[in-house]
């Protein structure tokens, strides 16, 4: 996650079963983290993994 202090922080609403939310909250607390930290870390890793594994466009090759 970018550590730019000027980066605007937004909210993200997620729908899930209450029991999953409660379990997630408990696990985060046991790790000494809050849910926002864990979700932000997950999304950062998810995006990085996508970018690493997605095909890159061939530069310099035109279409015929």
Protein backbone atom coordinates (compact mmCIF):
# COMPACT_ATOMS: atom_id res chain seq x y z
CA UNK A 1 0.00 0.00 0.00
CA UNK A 2 1.40 3.41 -0.87
CA UNK A 3 2.56 5.29 2.20
CA UNK A 4 1.86 8.70 0.70
CA UNK A 5 0.66 10.85 3.59
CA UNK A 6 -1.35 13.02 1.18
CA UNK A 7 -3.23 10.00 -0.21
CA UNK A 8 -6.97 10.36 0.31
CA UNK A 9 -8.44 7.59 2.45
CA UNK A 10 -11.82 6.27 1.35
CA UNK A 11 -14.28 3.78 2.81
CA UNK A 12 -15.16 0.43 1.26
CA UNK A 13 -18.41 -1.30 2.05
CA UNK A 14 -18.37 -5.09 1.93
CA UNK A 15 -21.31 -7.45 2.37
CA UNK A 16 -20.67 -10.80 4.06
CA UNK A 17 -22.30 -13.08 6.60
CA UNK A 18 -22.24 -11.72 10.12
CA UNK A 19 -20.46 -14.82 11.41
CA UNK A 20 -17.62 -14.33 8.90
CA UNK A 21 -17.28 -10.69 9.92
CA UNK A 22 -17.17 -11.65 13.60
CA UNK A 23 -14.55 -14.33 12.99
CA UNK A 24 -12.49 -11.94 10.86
CA UNK A 25 -12.66 -9.26 13.54
CA UNK A 26 -11.56 -11.74 16.22
CA UNK A 27 -8.60 -13.00 14.17
CA UNK A 28 -7.51 -9.43 13.42
CA UNK A 29 -7.67 -8.56 17.11
CA UNK A 30 -5.57 -11.63 18.01
CA UNK A 31 -2.97 -10.38 15.54
CA UNK A 32 -3.05 -6.87 16.99
CA UNK A 33 -4.36 -5.43 13.73
CA UNK A 34 -7.59 -3.75 12.77
CA UNK A 35 -9.81 -4.98 9.95
CA UNK A 36 -8.96 -2.03 7.70
CA UNK A 37 -5.24 -2.81 7.90
CA UNK A 38 -5.79 -6.44 6.95
CA UNK A 39 -8.19 -5.66 4.09
CA UNK A 40 -5.85 -2.97 2.73
CA UNK A 41 -2.93 -5.41 2.85
CA UNK A 42 -5.00 -8.07 1.08
CA UNK A 43 -6.10 -5.68 -1.69
CA UNK A 44 -2.53 -4.42 -2.16
CA UNK A 45 -1.26 -8.00 -2.54
CA UNK A 46 -4.19 -8.97 -4.78
CA UNK A 47 -3.52 -6.08 -7.17
CA UNK A 48 0.25 -6.74 -7.18
CA UNK A 49 -0.36 -10.43 -7.94
CA UNK A 50 -2.67 -9.53 -10.82
CA UNK A 51 -0.16 -7.08 -12.26
CA UNK A 52 2.66 -9.65 -12.02
CA UNK A 53 0.62 -12.40 -13.69
CA UNK A 54 -1.33 -10.52 -16.33
CA UNK A 55 -0.06 -10.57 -19.91
CA UNK A 56 1.86 -7.50 -20.91
CA UNK A 57 1.00 -5.82 -24.23
CA UNK A 58 3.69 -6.20 -26.88
CA UNK A 59 5.15 -2.77 -27.55
CA UNK A 60 6.37 -2.06 -31.04
CA UNK A 61 4.20 -4.69 -32.71
CA UNK A 62 1.48 -3.21 -34.82
CA UNK A 63 -1.68 -4.86 -35.98
CA UNK A 64 -1.79 -6.03 -39.60
